[in-house]
PDB file of N, CA and C in Angstrom:
ATOM      1  N   UNK A   1     190.434  20.616 132.703  1.00  0.00           N
ATOM      2  CA  UNK A   1     191.593  21.461 133.517  1.00  0.00           C
ATOM      3  C   UNK A   1     192.071  22.455 132.688  1.00  0.00           C
ATOM      4  N   UNK A   2     192.393  23.782 132.634  1.00  0.00           N
ATOM      5  CA  UNK A   2     193.188  24.476 132.229  1.00  0.00           C
ATOM      6  C   UNK A   2     194.887  24.489 132.240  1.00  0.00           C
ATOM      7  N   UNK A   3     195.379  24.604 131.381  1.00  0.00           N
ATOM      8  CA  UNK A   3     197.256  24.800 131.746  1.00  0.00           C
ATOM      9  C   UNK A   3     197.164  26.310 131.865  1.00  0.00           C
ATOM     10  N   UNK A   4     197.707  26.685 133.231  1.00  0.00           N
ATOM     11  CA  UNK A   4     198.272  28.136 133.410  1.00  0.00           C
ATOM     12  C   UNK A   4     200.148  28.264 133.055  1.00  0.00           C
ATOM     13  N   UNK A   5     200.049  29.178 132.450  1.00  0.00           N
ATOM     14  CA  UNK A   5     201.404  29.423 132.605  1.00  0.00           C
ATOM     15  C   UNK A   5     202.205  29.634 133.719  1.00  0.00           C
ATOM     16  N   UNK A   6     203.433  29.230 134.061  1.00  0.00           N
ATOM     17  CA  UNK A   6     204.610  29.505 134.982  1.00  0.00           C
ATOM     18  C   UNK A   6     204.766  31.385 134.932  1.00  0.00           C
ATOM     19  N   UNK A   7     205.252  31.481 135.927  1.00  0.00           N
ATOM     20  CA  UNK A   7     206.085  32.559 135.846  1.00  0.00           C
ATOM     21  C   UNK A   7     207.055  32.976 135.026  1.00  0.00           C
ATOM     22  N   UNK A   8     208.011  31.993 135.021  1.00  0.00           N
ATOM     23  CA  UNK A   8     209.239  31.938 134.043  1.00  0.00           C
ATOM     24  C   UNK A   8     208.506  31.841 132.848  1.00  0.00           C
ATOM     25  N   UNK A   9     207.430  31.026 132.354  1.00  0.00           N
ATOM     26  CA  UNK A   9     206.800  30.838 131.109  1.00  0.00           C
ATOM     27  C   UNK A   9     206.278  32.085 130.613  1.00  0.00           C
ATOM     28  N   UNK A  10     205.347  32.878 131.250  1.00  0.00           N
ATOM     29  CA  UNK A  10     204.797  34.037 131.200  1.00  0.00           C
ATOM     30  C   UNK A  10     205.912  35.048 130.569  1.00  0.00           C
ATOM     31  N   UNK A  11     206.935  35.336 131.632  1.00  0.00           N
ATOM     32  CA  UNK A  11     208.075  36.334 131.098  1.00  0.00           C
ATOM     33  C   UNK A  11     208.735  36.001 129.975  1.00  0.00           C
ATOM     34  N   UNK A  12     209.177  34.444 129.569  1.00  0.00           N
ATOM     35  CA  UNK A  12     209.620  34.184 128.325  1.00  0.00           C
ATOM     36  C   UNK A  12     208.815  34.760 127.134  1.00  0.00           C
ATOM     37  N   UNK A  13     207.401  34.480 127.218  1.00  0.00           N
ATOM     38  CA  UNK A  13     206.138  34.894 125.915  1.00  0.00           C
ATOM     39  C   UNK A  13     206.594  36.283 126.326  1.00  0.00           C
ATOM     40  N   UNK A  14     206.468  37.000 127.276  1.00  0.00           N
ATOM     41  CA  UNK A  14     206.654  38.730 127.251  1.00  0.00           C
ATOM     42  C   UNK A  14     208.042  39.131 126.493  1.00  0.00           C
ATOM     43  N   UNK A  15     209.054  38.334 126.845  1.00  0.00           N
ATOM     44  CA  UNK A  15     210.318  38.744 125.869  1.00  0.00           C
ATOM     45  C   UNK A  15     210.282  38.449 124.402  1.00  0.00           C
ATOM     46  N   UNK A  16     209.697  37.431 124.394  1.00  0.00           N
ATOM     47  CA  UNK A  16     209.072  37.149 123.097  1.00  0.00           C
ATOM     48  C   UNK A  16     208.441  37.930 122.159  1.00  0.00           C
ATOM     49  N   UNK A  17     207.537  38.667 122.486  1.00  0.00           N
ATOM     50  CA  UNK A  17     206.462  39.564 122.084  1.00  0.00           C
ATOM     51  C   UNK A  17     207.159  40.754 121.890  1.00  0.00           C
ATOM     52  N   UNK A  18     208.175  41.334 122.917  1.00  0.00           N
ATOM     53  CA  UNK A  18     209.038  42.405 123.065  1.00  0.00           C
ATOM     54  C   UNK A  18     210.020  42.493 121.987  1.00  0.00           C
ATOM     55  N   UNK A  19     210.537  41.147 121.606  1.00  0.00           N
ATOM     56  CA  UNK A  19     211.664  41.050 120.728  1.00  0.00           C
ATOM     57  C   UNK A  19     211.148  40.980 119.170  1.00  0.00           C
ATOM     58  N   UNK A  20     210.073  40.522 119.066  1.00  0.00           N
ATOM     59  CA  UNK A  20     209.017  40.199 118.047  1.00  0.00           C
ATOM     60  C   UNK A  20     208.575  41.591 117.679  1.00  0.00           C
ATOM     61  N   UNK A  21     208.279  42.213 118.262  1.00  0.00           N
ATOM     62  CA  UNK A  21     207.815  44.033 117.862  1.00  0.00           C
ATOM     63  C   UNK A  21     209.099  44.689 117.749  1.00  0.00           C
ATOM     64  N   UNK A  22     210.220  44.348 118.197  1.00  0.00           N
ATOM     65  CA  UNK A  22     211.498  45.097 117.758  1.00  0.00           C
ATOM     66  C   UNK A  22     211.969  44.625 116.566  1.00  0.00           C
ATOM     67  N   UNK A  23     211.875  43.396 115.768  1.00  0.00           N
ATOM     68  CA  UNK A  23     212.319  42.876 114.850  1.00  0.00           C
ATOM     69  C   UNK A  23     211.213  43.831 113.665  1.00  0.00           C
ATOM     70  N   UNK A  24     209.873  43.742 114.103  1.00  0.00           N
ATOM     71  CA  UNK A  24     208.616  43.907 113.094  1.00  0.00           C
ATOM     72  C   UNK A  24     209.134  45.624 112.813  1.00  0.00           C
ATOM     73  N   UNK A  25     209.915  46.313 113.829  1.00  0.00           N
ATOM     74  CA  UNK A  25     209.861  47.937 113.940  1.00  0.00           C
ATOM     75  C   UNK A  25     211.128  47.915 113.023  1.00  0.00           C
ATOM     76  N   UNK A  26     212.166  46.969 113.292  1.00  0.00           N
ATOM     77  CA  UNK A  26     213.373  47.016 111.864  1.00  0.00           C
ATOM     78  C   UNK A  26     213.006  46.725 110.806  1.00  0.00           C
ATOM     79  N   UNK A  27     212.352  45.808 110.314  1.00  0.00           N
ATOM     80  CA  UNK A  27     212.184  45.473 109.372  1.00  0.00           C
ATOM     81  C   UNK A  27     211.215  46.576 108.432  1.00  0.00           C
ATOM     82  N   UNK A  28     210.160  47.623 108.866  1.00  0.00           N
ATOM     83  CA  UNK A  28     209.494  48.006 108.430  1.00  0.00           C
ATOM     84  C   UNK A  28     210.265  49.235 107.916  1.00  0.00           C
ATOM     85  N   UNK A  29     211.459  49.643 109.101  1.00  0.00           N
ATOM     86  CA  UNK A  29     212.096  50.587 108.951  1.00  0.00           C
ATOM     87  C   UNK A  29     213.209  50.522 107.317  1.00  0.00           C
ATOM     88  N   UNK A  30     213.445  49.053 107.533  1.00  0.00           N
ATOM     89  CA  UNK A  30     214.420  49.066 106.475  1.00  0.00           C
ATOM     90  C   UNK A  30     213.901  48.725 105.286  1.00  0.00           C
ATOM     91  N   UNK A  31     212.270  48.493 105.049  1.00  0.00           N
ATOM     92  CA  UNK A  31     211.671  48.313 103.798  1.00  0.00           C
ATOM     93  C   UNK A  31     211.448  49.423 103.473  1.00  0.00           C
ATOM     94  N   UNK A  32     211.390  50.854 104.044  1.00  0.00           N
ATOM     95  CA  UNK A  32     210.827  51.779 103.676  1.00  0.00           C
ATOM     96  C   UNK A  32     212.097  52.723 103.479  1.00  0.00           C
ATOM     97  N   UNK A  33     213.326  52.324 104.040  1.00  0.00           N
ATOM     98  CA  UNK A  33     214.434  52.998 103.912  1.00  0.00           C
ATOM     99  C   UNK A  33     215.333  52.531 102.700  1.00  0.00           C
ATOM    100  N   UNK A  34     215.365  51.133 102.699  1.00  0.00           N
ATOM    101  CA  UNK A  34     216.495  50.822 101.464  1.00  0.00           C
ATOM    102  C   UNK A  34     215.493  50.382 100.290  1.00  0.00           C
ATOM    103  N   UNK A  35     214.228  50.150 100.255  1.00  0.00           N
ATOM    104  CA  UNK A  35     213.527  50.089  98.960  1.00  0.00           C
ATOM    105  C   UNK A  35     212.759  51.400  98.364  1.00  0.00           C
ATOM    106  N   UNK A  36     213.395  52.481  99.036  1.00  0.00           N
ATOM    107  CA  UNK A  36     213.094  53.794  98.670  1.00  0.00           C
ATOM    108  C   UNK A  36     211.540  54.032  98.421  1.00  0.00           C
ATOM    109  N   UNK A  37     210.690  53.819  99.730  1.00  0.00           N
ATOM    110  CA  UNK A  37     209.558  53.897  99.968  1.00  0.00           C
ATOM    111  C   UNK A  37     209.182  55.475 100.382  1.00  0.00           C
ATOM    112  N   UNK A  38     209.606  56.344  99.660  1.00  0.00           N
ATOM    113  CA  UNK A  38     209.539  57.603  99.983  1.00  0.00           C
ATOM    114  C   UNK A  38     207.907  58.258 100.806  1.00  0.00           C
ATOM    115  N   UNK A  39     207.327  57.516  99.969  1.00  0.00           N
ATOM    116  CA  UNK A  39     205.278  58.222 100.595  1.00  0.00           C
ATOM    117  C   UNK A  39     205.238  57.267 101.379  1.00  0.00           C
ATOM    118  N   UNK A  40     205.721  56.370 102.293  1.00  0.00           N
ATOM    119  CA  UNK A  40     205.429  55.489 103.210  1.00  0.00           C
ATOM    120  C   UNK A  40     205.692  55.698 104.414  1.00  0.00           C
ATOM    121  N   UNK A  41     204.982  55.781 105.923  1.00  0.00           N
ATOM    122  CA  UNK A  41     206.011  55.912 106.914  1.00  0.00           C
ATOM    123  C   UNK A  41     205.681  54.364 107.395  1.00  0.00           C
ATOM    124  N   UNK A  42     207.012  53.893 108.111  1.00  0.00           N
ATOM    125  CA  UNK A  42     207.350  53.000 108.505  1.00  0.00           C
ATOM    126  C   UNK A  42     206.050  52.295 109.495  1.00  0.00           C
ATOM    127  N   UNK A  43     205.499  53.340 110.527  1.00  0.00           N
ATOM    128  CA  UNK A  43     204.795  53.084 111.381  1.00  0.00           C
ATOM    129  C   UNK A  43     203.283  53.028 110.726  1.00  0.00           C
ATOM    130  N   UNK A  44     202.976  53.242 109.615  1.00  0.00           N
ATOM    131  CA  UNK A  44     201.923  53.182 108.668  1.00  0.00           C
ATOM    132  C   UNK A  44     201.474  51.511 108.318  1.00  0.00           C
ATOM    133  N   UNK A  45     202.966  50.889 107.968  1.00  0.00           N
ATOM    134  CA  UNK A  45     202.773  49.312 107.651  1.00  0.00           C
ATOM    135  C   UNK A  45     202.146  48.519 108.774  1.00  0.00           C
ATOM    136  N   UNK A  46     201.033  48.110 108.405  1.00  0.00           N
ATOM    137  CA  UNK A  46     200.523  46.992 109.438  1.00  0.00           C
ATOM    138  C   UNK A  46     201.092  45.819 109.354  1.00  0.00           C
ATOM    139  N   UNK A  47     201.303  44.837 110.539  1.00  0.00           N
ATOM    140  CA  UNK A  47     202.085  43.863 110.836  1.00  0.00           C
ATOM    141  C   UNK A  47     201.685  43.162 109.751  1.00  0.00           C
ATOM    142  N   UNK A  48     200.199  42.822 109.740  1.00  0.00           N
ATOM    143  CA  UNK A  48     199.787  41.672 108.901  1.00  0.00           C
ATOM    144  C   UNK A  48     199.248  41.819 107.375  1.00  0.00           C
ATOM    145  N   UNK A  49     199.674  43.364 106.996  1.00  0.00           N
ATOM    146  CA  UNK A  49     199.209  43.545 105.586  1.00  0.00           C
ATOM    147  C   UNK A  49     200.392  42.986 104.807  1.00  0.00           C
ATOM    148  N   UNK A  50     199.538  42.535 103.558  1.00  0.00           N
ATOM    149  CA  UNK A  50     200.223  41.722 102.595  1.00  0.00           C
ATOM    150  C   UNK A  50     201.260  42.476 101.890  1.00  0.00           C
ATOM    151  N   UNK A  51     202.224  42.164 101.681  1.00  0.00           N
ATOM    152  CA  UNK A  51     203.334  43.251 101.080  1.00  0.00           C
ATOM    153  C   UNK A  51     203.350  43.384  99.525  1.00  0.00           C
ATOM    154  N   UNK A  52     203.427  42.121  98.911  1.00  0.00           N
ATOM    155  CA  UNK A  52     203.195  42.159  97.842  1.00  0.00           C
ATOM    156  C   UNK A  52     201.772  42.282  96.898  1.00  0.00           C
ATOM    157  N   UNK A  53     201.684  42.729  95.672  1.00  0.00           N
ATOM    158  CA  UNK A  53     200.868  42.992  94.529  1.00  0.00           C
ATOM    159  C   UNK A  53     199.767  43.894  95.468  1.00  0.00           C
ATOM    160  N   UNK A  54     198.291  43.743  95.867  1.00  0.00           N
ATOM    161  CA  UNK A  54     197.283  44.372  96.354  1.00  0.00           C
ATOM    162  C   UNK A  54     197.434  45.364  97.454  1.00  0.00           C
ATOM    163  N   UNK A  55     198.460  44.385  98.498  1.00  0.00           N
ATOM    164  CA  UNK A  55     199.029  45.178  99.691  1.00  0.00           C
ATOM    165  C   UNK A  55     199.622  46.401  99.781  1.00  0.00           C
ATOM    166  N   UNK A  56     200.995  46.570 100.240  1.00  0.00           N
ATOM    167  CA  UNK A  56     202.142  47.517 100.361  1.00  0.00           C
ATOM    168  C   UNK A  56     202.435  47.846  98.558  1.00  0.00           C
ATOM    169  N   UNK A  57     202.316  46.618  97.861  1.00  0.00           N
ATOM    170  CA  UNK A  57     202.388  46.809  96.279  1.00  0.00           C
ATOM    171  C   UNK A  57     204.036  46.524  95.927  1.00  0.00           C
ATOM    172  N   UNK A  58     204.496  45.517  96.787  1.00  0.00           N
ATOM    173  CA  UNK A  58     205.862  45.543  96.494  1.00  0.00           C
ATOM    174  C   UNK A  58     205.855  44.685  95.072  1.00  0.00           C
ATOM    175  N   UNK A  59     207.146  44.456  94.579  1.00  0.00           N
ATOM    176  CA  UNK A  59     207.184  43.393  93.539  1.00  0.00           C
ATOM    177  C   UNK A  59     208.332  42.540  93.278  1.00  0.00           C
ATOM    178  N   UNK A  60     208.455  41.888  92.365  1.00  0.00           N
ATOM    179  CA  UNK A  60     209.696  40.786  92.774  1.00  0.00           C
ATOM    180  C   UNK A  60     210.678  41.186  92.552  1.00  0.00           C
ATOM    181  N   UNK A  61     211.403  42.681  92.318  1.00  0.00           N
ATOM    182  CA  UNK A  61     212.385  43.372  92.367  1.00  0.00           C
ATOM    183  C   UNK A  61     213.096  43.654  93.720  1.00  0.00           C
ATOM    184  N   UNK A  62     211.641  43.905  94.418  1.00  0.00           N
ATOM    185  CA  UNK A  62     211.644  44.083  96.011  1.00  0.00           C
ATOM    186  C   UNK A  62     212.024  42.923  96.739  1.00  0.00           C
ATOM    187  N   UNK A  63     211.632  42.037  96.201  1.00  0.00           N
ATOM    188  CA  UNK A  63     211.796  40.208  97.290  1.00  0.00           C
ATOM    189  C   UNK A  63     212.874  40.315  97.019  1.00  0.00           C
ATOM    190  N   UNK A  64     213.762  40.590  95.890  1.00  0.00           N
ATOM    191  CA  UNK A  64     215.369  40.216  95.569  1.00  0.00           C
ATOM    192  C   UNK A  64     215.708  40.852  96.834  1.00  0.00           C
ATOM    193  N   UNK A  65     215.311  42.062  96.747  1.00  0.00           N
ATOM    194  CA  UNK A  65     216.176  43.061  98.161  1.00  0.00           C
ATOM    195  C   UNK A  65     215.988  42.870  99.129  1.00  0.00           C
ATOM    196  N   UNK A  66     214.998  42.398  99.443  1.00  0.00           N
ATOM    197  CA  UNK A  66     214.448  41.795 100.981  1.00  0.00           C
ATOM    198  C   UNK A  66     215.387  40.816 101.379  1.00  0.00           C
ATOM    199  N   UNK A  67     215.693  39.878 100.154  1.00  0.00           N
ATOM    200  CA  UNK A  67     216.739  39.006 100.462  1.00  0.00           C
ATOM    201  C   UNK A  67     217.633  39.501 101.140  1.00  0.00           C
ATOM    202  N   UNK A  68     218.589  40.014  99.998  1.00  0.00           N
ATOM    203  CA  UNK A  68     219.372  40.906 100.594  1.00  0.00           C
ATOM    204  C   UNK A  68     219.568  41.599 101.890  1.00  0.00           C
ATOM    205  N   UNK A  69     218.162  42.335 102.468  1.00  0.00           N
ATOM    206  CA  UNK A  69     218.253  42.840 103.538  1.00  0.00           C
ATOM    207  C   UNK A  69     218.226  42.170 104.716  1.00  0.00           C
ATOM    208  N   UNK A  70     217.796  41.104 104.298  1.00  0.00           N
ATOM    209  CA  UNK A  70     217.742  39.869 105.691  1.00  0.00           C
ATOM    210  C   UNK A  70     218.877  39.280 105.831  1.00  0.00           C
ATOM    211  N   UNK A  71     219.620  39.043 104.966  1.00  0.00           N
ATOM    212  CA  UNK A  71     221.129  38.317 104.522  1.00  0.00           C
ATOM    213  C   UNK A  71     221.952  39.210 105.364  1.00  0.00           C
ATOM    214  N   UNK A  72     222.028  40.308 104.834  1.00  0.00           N
ATOM    215  CA  UNK A  72     223.149  41.684 105.570  1.00  0.00           C
ATOM    216  C   UNK A  72     222.585  41.914 106.919  1.00  0.00           C
ATOM    217  N   UNK A  73     221.117  42.057 107.386  1.00  0.00           N
ATOM    218  CA  UNK A  73     221.068  42.563 108.508  1.00  0.00           C
ATOM    219  C   UNK A  73     221.018  41.632 109.578  1.00  0.00           C
ATOM    220  N   UNK A  74     220.491  40.564 109.322  1.00  0.00           N
ATOM    221  CA  UNK A  74     220.210  39.637 110.377  1.00  0.00           C
ATOM    222  C   UNK A  74     220.572  38.175 110.141  1.00  0.00           C
ATOM    223  N   UNK A  75     221.575  38.186 109.219  1.00  0.00           N
ATOM    224  CA  UNK A  75     222.380  36.766 108.620  1.00  0.00           C
ATOM    225  C   UNK A  75     221.571  35.452 108.167  1.00  0.00           C
ATOM    226  N   UNK A  76     220.205  36.061 107.809  1.00  0.00           N
ATOM    227  CA  UNK A  76     219.270  34.761 107.300  1.00  0.00           C
ATOM    228  C   UNK A  76     219.198  34.554 105.899  1.00  0.00           C
ATOM    229  N   UNK A  77     219.189  33.371 105.450  1.00  0.00           N
ATOM    230  CA  UNK A  77     219.245  33.401 103.916  1.00  0.00           C
ATOM    231  C   UNK A  77     218.049  32.557 103.579  1.00  0.00           C
ATOM    232  N   UNK A  78     217.051  32.902 102.853  1.00  0.00           N
ATOM    233  CA  UNK A  78     216.266  32.504 102.122  1.00  0.00           C
ATOM    234  C   UNK A  78     216.445  31.444 101.007  1.00  0.00           C
ATOM    235  N   UNK A  79     216.674  30.329 100.872  1.00  0.00           N
ATOM    236  CA  UNK A  79     217.035  29.562  99.554  1.00  0.00           C
ATOM    237  C   UNK A  79     215.790  29.153  98.545  1.00  0.00           C
ATOM    238  N   UNK A  80     214.889  28.422  99.507  1.00  0.00           N
ATOM    239  CA  UNK A  80     213.469  28.145  98.915  1.00  0.00           C
ATOM    240  C   UNK A  80     212.267  29.164  98.688  1.00  0.00           C
ATOM    241  N   UNK A  81     212.433  29.437  97.361  1.00  0.00           N
ATOM    242  CA  UNK A  81     211.573  30.680  96.937  1.00  0.00           C
ATOM    243  C   UNK A  81     209.819  30.322  96.955  1.00  0.00           C
ATOM    244  N   UNK A  82     209.390  28.853  97.627  1.00  0.00           N
ATOM    245  CA  UNK A  82     208.311  28.678  98.155  1.00  0.00           C
ATOM    246  C   UNK A  82     207.933  29.033  99.373  1.00  0.00           C
ATOM    247  N   UNK A  83     209.312  28.625 100.263  1.00  0.00           N
ATOM    248  CA  UNK A  83     209.262  29.267 101.625  1.00  0.00           C
ATOM    249  C   UNK A  83     209.502  30.708 101.515  1.00  0.00           C
ATOM    250  N   UNK A  84     209.957  31.333 100.619  1.00  0.00           N
ATOM    251  CA  UNK A  84     210.102  32.902 100.754  1.00  0.00           C
ATOM    252  C   UNK A  84     208.871  33.343 100.417  1.00  0.00           C
ATOM    253  N   UNK A  85     207.984  32.749  99.738  1.00  0.00           N
ATOM    254  CA  UNK A  85     206.619  33.225  99.347  1.00  0.00           C
ATOM    255  C   UNK A  85     205.702  33.572 100.953  1.00  0.00           C
ATOM    256  N   UNK A  86     206.072  31.996 101.589  1.00  0.00           N
ATOM    257  CA  UNK A  86     205.282  32.815 102.825  1.00  0.00           C
ATOM    258  C   UNK A  86     206.104  33.562 104.199  1.00  0.00           C
ATOM    259  N   UNK A  87     207.136  33.107 103.433  1.00  0.00           N
ATOM    260  CA  UNK A  87     207.850  34.350 104.960  1.00  0.00           C
ATOM    261  C   UNK A  87     207.630  35.998 104.495  1.00  0.00           C
ATOM    262  N   UNK A  88     207.804  35.992 103.309  1.00  0.00           N
ATOM    263  CA  UNK A  88     207.323  37.630 102.883  1.00  0.00           C
ATOM    264  C   UNK A  88     205.878  38.109 102.633  1.00  0.00           C
ATOM    265  N   UNK A  89     205.024  37.202 103.174  1.00  0.00           N
ATOM    266  CA  UNK A  89     203.692  37.533 102.810  1.00  0.00           C
ATOM    267  C   UNK A  89     203.662  38.972 103.662  1.00  0.00           C
ATOM    268  N   UNK A  90     204.174  38.936 104.416  1.00  0.00           N
ATOM    269  CA  UNK A  90     203.566  40.086 105.781  1.00  0.00           C
ATOM    270  C   UNK A  90     205.096  40.307 106.837  1.00  0.00           C
ATOM    271  N   UNK A  91     205.065  41.509 107.745  1.00  0.00           N
ATOM    272  CA  UNK A  91     205.993  42.147 108.020  1.00  0.00           C
ATOM    273  C   UNK A  91     206.005  41.065 109.517  1.00  0.00           C
ATOM    274  N   UNK A  92     204.707  40.212 109.621  1.00  0.00           N
ATOM    275  CA  UNK A  92     204.720  39.509 111.282  1.00  0.00           C
ATOM    276  C   UNK A  92     205.112  38.291 110.785  1.00  0.00           C
ATOM    277  N   UNK A  93     204.832  37.894 109.369  1.00  0.00           N
ATOM    278  CA  UNK A  93     205.675  36.535 109.142  1.00  0.00           C
ATOM    279  C   UNK A  93     206.975  36.764 108.644  1.00  0.00           C
ATOM    280  N   UNK A  94     207.685  37.683 108.274  1.00  0.00           N
ATOM    281  CA  UNK A  94     209.065  37.946 108.230  1.00  0.00           C
ATOM    282  C   UNK A  94     209.472  38.213 109.433  1.00  0.00           C
ATOM    283  N   UNK A  95     209.163  38.836 110.578  1.00  0.00           N
ATOM    284  CA  UNK A  95     209.570  38.993 111.782  1.00  0.00           C
ATOM    285  C   UNK A  95     209.718  37.567 112.551  1.00  0.00           C
ATOM    286  N   UNK A  96     208.495  36.647 112.444  1.00  0.00           N
ATOM    287  CA  UNK A  96     208.857  35.136 112.996  1.00  0.00           C
ATOM    288  C   UNK A  96     209.516  34.312 112.667  1.00  0.00           C
ATOM    289  N   UNK A  97     210.212  34.644 111.162  1.00  0.00           N
ATOM    290  CA  UNK A  97     211.146  33.737 110.430  1.00  0.00           C
ATOM    291  C   UNK A  97     212.538  34.036 111.100  1.00  0.00           C
ATOM    292  N   UNK A  98     212.369  35.292 111.199  1.00  0.00           N
ATOM    293  CA  UNK A  98     213.859  35.849 111.904  1.00  0.00           C
ATOM    294  C   UNK A  98     214.212  35.769 113.262  1.00  0.00           C
ATOM    295  N   UNK A  99     212.954  35.794 113.981  1.00  0.00           N
ATOM    296  CA  UNK A  99     212.903  35.578 115.314  1.00  0.00           C
ATOM    297  C   UNK A  99     213.383  33.923 115.611  1.00  0.00           C
ATOM    298  N   UNK A 100     212.679  33.215 114.809  1.00  0.00           N
ATOM    299  CA  UNK A 100     212.770  31.650 115.002  1.00  0.00           C
ATOM    300  C   UNK A 100     214.407  31.238 114.361  1.00  0.00           C
ATOM    301  N   UNK A 101     214.555  31.924 113.611  1.00  0.00           N
ATOM    302  CA  UNK A 101     215.960  31.225 112.906  1.00  0.00           C
ATOM    303  C   UNK A 101     217.088  32.150 113.743  1.00  0.00           C
ATOM    304  N   UNK A 102     216.846  33.006 114.143  1.00  0.00           N
ATOM    305  CA  UNK A 102     217.979  33.951 115.457  1.00  0.00           C
ATOM    306  C   UNK A 102     218.087  33.004 116.422  1.00  0.00           C
ATOM    307  N   UNK A 103     217.416  32.611 117.113  1.00  0.00           N
ATOM    308  CA  UNK A 103     217.008  31.462 118.294  1.00  0.00           C
ATOM    309  C   UNK A 103     217.703  30.138 118.241  1.00  0.00           C
ATOM    310  N   UNK A 104     217.337  29.554 116.833  1.00  0.00           N
ATOM    311  CA  UNK A 104     218.231  28.475 116.428  1.00  0.00           C
ATOM    312  C   UNK A 104     219.613  28.764 116.339  1.00  0.00           C
ATOM    313  N   UNK A 105     219.769  29.548 116.106  1.00  0.00           N
ATOM    314  CA  UNK A 105     221.398  29.876 115.718  1.00  0.00           C
ATOM    315  C   UNK A 105     222.258  30.399 117.076  1.00  0.00           C
ATOM    316  N   UNK A 106     221.701  30.984 118.294  1.00  0.00           N
ATOM    317  CA  UNK A 106     222.046  31.177 119.234  1.00  0.00           C
ATOM    318  C   UNK A 106     222.143  30.046 120.481  1.00  0.00           C
TER     319      UNK A 106
END
């Protein structure tokens, strides 16, 4: 027997996806603006695109700036750099980190 979501669960899932979409948009705009990526349009960054190395091409100095951006704009701290590598993999992984930690704090 398959489990079906209740109306409330469906609404919560829809709200989560809407909130994640807004966080992804904010992250893309912040990265382009604050890392001075003039040649990149935020809308052109794919949610699952690798941000460092072969992907978007960010480097370790950009990682430090992203830590500051997360702290300044979302009140999030990344203290464990192994965890940071996972979080900073893509826009999507950062958005989930922000969403999950924001909701823990509220």
